[in-house]
């Protein structure tokens, strides 16, 4: 009985550490996206490519949902993550005259 309580405690502690690590990782990635790219390869070596891909999918899904809620509540506006150039100003030029057409000089 005493041994099963220890096993349960160990599992609860391990699960708590994993959840805390995931939350800290989420906060770090949320605030500093460059950290994600630096941590991805070491995480792939430790956890494997498929598991890291699953974690990334979950993370991006959560980020998308949070952003949708923020947009729906009017807390922020959607923005392009890249620079958007201003639209070019249209220029008008006088048409090039064609010799012999509309020319009033004799020729």
C-alpha atoms as a PDB file:
ATOM      1  CA  UNK A   1       0.000   0.000   0.000  1.00  0.00           C
ATOM      2  CA  UNK A   2       2.745   2.400   0.950  1.00  0.00           C
ATOM      3  CA  UNK A   3       4.538   1.580  -2.303  1.00  0.00           C
ATOM      4  CA  UNK A   4       1.497   2.365  -4.465  1.00  0.00           C
ATOM      5  CA  UNK A   5       1.125   5.754  -2.767  1.00  0.00           C
ATOM      6  CA  UNK A   6       4.749   6.505  -3.638  1.00  0.00           C
ATOM      7  CA  UNK A   7       4.168   5.483  -7.233  1.00  0.00           C
ATOM      8  CA  UNK A   8       1.110   7.709  -7.470  1.00  0.00           C
ATOM      9  CA  UNK A   9       3.028  10.629  -5.953  1.00  0.00           C
ATOM     10  CA  UNK A  10       5.888  10.125  -8.388  1.00  0.00           C
ATOM     11  CA  UNK A  11       3.505  10.079 -11.315  1.00  0.00           C
ATOM     12  CA  UNK A  12       1.731  13.213 -10.103  1.00  0.00           C
ATOM     13  CA  UNK A  13       5.060  14.996  -9.635  1.00  0.00           C
ATOM     14  CA  UNK A  14       6.298  13.885 -13.052  1.00  0.00           C
ATOM     15  CA  UNK A  15       3.049  14.954 -14.713  1.00  0.00           C
ATOM     16  CA  UNK A  16       3.221  18.322 -12.924  1.00  0.00           C
ATOM     17  CA  UNK A  17       6.782  18.851 -14.148  1.00  0.00           C
ATOM     18  CA  UNK A  18       5.785  18.001 -17.717  1.00  0.00           C
ATOM     19  CA  UNK A  19       2.776  20.350 -17.612  1.00  0.00           C
ATOM     20  CA  UNK A  20       4.889  23.133 -16.100  1.00  0.00           C
ATOM     21  CA  UNK A  21       7.575  22.643 -18.746  1.00  0.00           C
ATOM     22  CA  UNK A  22       4.941  22.788 -21.492  1.00  0.00           C
ATOM     23  CA  UNK A  23       3.433  25.972 -20.063  1.00  0.00           C
ATOM     24  CA  UNK A  24       6.831  27.622 -19.712  1.00  0.00           C
ATOM     25  CA  UNK A  25       7.695  26.546 -23.227  1.00  0.00           C
ATOM     26  CA  UNK A  26       4.423  27.965 -24.519  1.00  0.00           C
ATOM     27  CA  UNK A  27       5.049  31.288 -22.793  1.00  0.00           C
ATOM     28  CA  UNK A  28       8.598  31.419 -24.095  1.00  0.00           C
ATOM     29  CA  UNK A  29       7.507  30.642 -27.653  1.00  0.00           C
ATOM     30  CA  UNK A  30       4.645  33.075 -27.427  1.00  0.00           C
ATOM     31  CA  UNK A  31       6.896  35.923 -26.358  1.00  0.00           C
ATOM     32  CA  UNK A  32      10.114  35.071 -28.152  1.00  0.00           C
ATOM     33  CA  UNK A  33       9.490  33.220 -31.389  1.00  0.00           C
ATOM     34  CA  UNK A  34      13.233  32.961 -32.061  1.00  0.00           C
ATOM     35  CA  UNK A  35      13.526  30.618 -29.077  1.00  0.00           C
ATOM     36  CA  UNK A  36      11.234  28.131 -30.796  1.00  0.00           C
ATOM     37  CA  UNK A  37      13.501  27.740 -33.787  1.00  0.00           C
ATOM     38  CA  UNK A  38      16.551  27.309 -31.544  1.00  0.00           C
ATOM     39  CA  UNK A  39      14.855  24.711 -29.337  1.00  0.00           C
ATOM     40  CA  UNK A  40      13.207  22.688 -32.071  1.00  0.00           C
ATOM     41  CA  UNK A  41      16.256  20.672 -33.158  1.00  0.00           C
ATOM     42  CA  UNK A  42      17.402  19.704 -29.627  1.00  0.00           C
ATOM     43  CA  UNK A  43      13.811  18.750 -28.788  1.00  0.00           C
ATOM     44  CA  UNK A  44      13.662  16.571 -31.909  1.00  0.00           C
ATOM     45  CA  UNK A  45      16.764  14.725 -30.723  1.00  0.00           C
ATOM     46  CA  UNK A  46      15.260  14.135 -27.265  1.00  0.00           C
ATOM     47  CA  UNK A  47      11.594  13.482 -28.048  1.00  0.00           C
ATOM     48  CA  UNK A  48      11.689  12.509 -31.716  1.00  0.00           C
ATOM     49  CA  UNK A  49      10.514  14.261 -34.851  1.00  0.00           C
ATOM     50  CA  UNK A  50       6.889  13.110 -34.698  1.00  0.00           C
ATOM     51  CA  UNK A  51       6.333  14.135 -31.081  1.00  0.00           C
ATOM     52  CA  UNK A  52       7.849  17.570 -31.622  1.00  0.00           C
ATOM     53  CA  UNK A  53       5.659  17.993 -34.700  1.00  0.00           C
ATOM     54  CA  UNK A  54       2.621  17.076 -32.606  1.00  0.00           C
ATOM     55  CA  UNK A  55       3.657  19.590 -29.926  1.00  0.00           C
ATOM     56  CA  UNK A  56       4.124  22.274 -32.568  1.00  0.00           C
ATOM     57  CA  UNK A  57       0.701  21.510 -34.025  1.00  0.00           C
ATOM     58  CA  UNK A  58      -0.909  21.812 -30.601  1.00  0.00           C
ATOM     59  CA  UNK A  59       0.976  25.025 -29.862  1.00  0.00           C
ATOM     60  CA  UNK A  60       0.018  26.667 -33.148  1.00  0.00           C
ATOM     61  CA  UNK A  61      -3.602  25.557 -32.745  1.00  0.00           C
ATOM     62  CA  UNK A  62      -3.739  27.151 -29.291  1.00  0.00           C
ATOM     63  CA  UNK A  63      -2.126  30.334 -30.634  1.00  0.00           C
ATOM     64  CA  UNK A  64      -4.659  30.481 -33.476  1.00  0.00           C
ATOM     65  CA  UNK A  65      -7.575  30.068 -31.084  1.00  0.00           C
ATOM     66  CA  UNK A  66      -6.253  32.771 -28.769  1.00  0.00           C
ATOM     67  CA  UNK A  67      -5.788  35.141 -31.708  1.00  0.00           C
ATOM     68  CA  UNK A  68      -9.308  34.416 -33.003  1.00  0.00           C
ATOM     69  CA  UNK A  69     -10.745  35.214 -29.564  1.00  0.00           C
ATOM     70  CA  UNK A  70      -8.753  38.435 -29.413  1.00  0.00           C
ATOM     71  CA  UNK A  71     -10.002  39.456 -32.859  1.00  0.00           C
ATOM     72  CA  UNK A  72     -13.588  38.534 -32.026  1.00  0.00           C
ATOM     73  CA  UNK A  73     -13.454  40.566 -28.798  1.00  0.00           C
ATOM     74  CA  UNK A  74     -11.843  43.522 -30.552  1.00  0.00           C
ATOM     75  CA  UNK A  75      -8.715  43.330 -28.394  1.00  0.00           C
ATOM     76  CA  UNK A  76      -6.414  43.388 -31.430  1.00  0.00           C
ATOM     77  CA  UNK A  77      -6.521  43.644 -35.187  1.00  0.00           C
ATOM     78  CA  UNK A  78      -5.152  41.030 -37.588  1.00  0.00           C
ATOM     79  CA  UNK A  79      -1.790  41.996 -39.024  1.00  0.00           C
ATOM     80  CA  UNK A  80       0.427  40.575 -41.713  1.00  0.00           C
ATOM     81  CA  UNK A  81       3.660  39.222 -40.198  1.00  0.00           C
ATOM     82  CA  UNK A  82       5.583  40.636 -43.154  1.00  0.00           C
ATOM     83  CA  UNK A  83       5.984  44.215 -44.320  1.00  0.00           C
ATOM     84  CA  UNK A  84       3.301  45.469 -46.665  1.00  0.00           C
ATOM     85  CA  UNK A  85       4.381  47.985 -49.304  1.00  0.00           C
ATOM     86  CA  UNK A  86       2.215  50.953 -50.104  1.00  0.00           C
ATOM     87  CA  UNK A  87       0.254  50.721 -53.322  1.00  0.00           C
ATOM     88  CA  UNK A  88       2.060  52.433 -56.201  1.00  0.00           C
ATOM     89  CA  UNK A  89       0.684  55.782 -57.288  1.00  0.00           C
ATOM     90  CA  UNK A  90      -0.685  55.596 -60.840  1.00  0.00           C
ATOM     91  CA  UNK A  91       0.981  57.970 -63.235  1.00  0.00           C
ATOM     92  CA  UNK A  92      -0.631  59.490 -66.303  1.00  0.00           C
ATOM     93  CA  UNK A  93       1.263  60.473 -69.400  1.00  0.00           C
ATOM     94  CA  UNK A  94       0.190  62.263 -72.508  1.00  0.00           C
ATOM     95  CA  UNK A  95      -0.326  59.832 -75.369  1.00  0.00           C
ATOM     96  CA  UNK A  96       2.492  59.606 -77.867  1.00  0.00           C
ATOM     97  CA  UNK A  97       1.404  61.261 -81.132  1.00  0.00           C
ATOM     98  CA  UNK A  98       1.439  59.075 -84.210  1.00  0.00           C
ATOM     99  CA  UNK A  99       2.930  60.883 -87.208  1.00  0.00           C
ATOM    100  CA  UNK A 100       0.441  61.601 -89.961  1.00  0.00           C
ATOM    101  CA  UNK A 101      -2.679  61.089 -87.823  1.00  0.00           C
ATOM    102  CA  UNK A 102      -4.305  64.209 -86.527  1.00  0.00           C
ATOM    103  CA  UNK A 103      -1.418  66.218 -87.867  1.00  0.00           C
ATOM    104  CA  UNK A 104      -2.644  69.504 -89.363  1.00  0.00           C
ATOM    105  CA  UNK A 105       0.539  70.217 -91.239  1.00  0.00           C
ATOM    106  CA  UNK A 106       0.605  69.356 -94.947  1.00  0.00           C
ATOM    107  CA  UNK A 107       2.761  66.503 -95.778  1.00  0.00           C
END
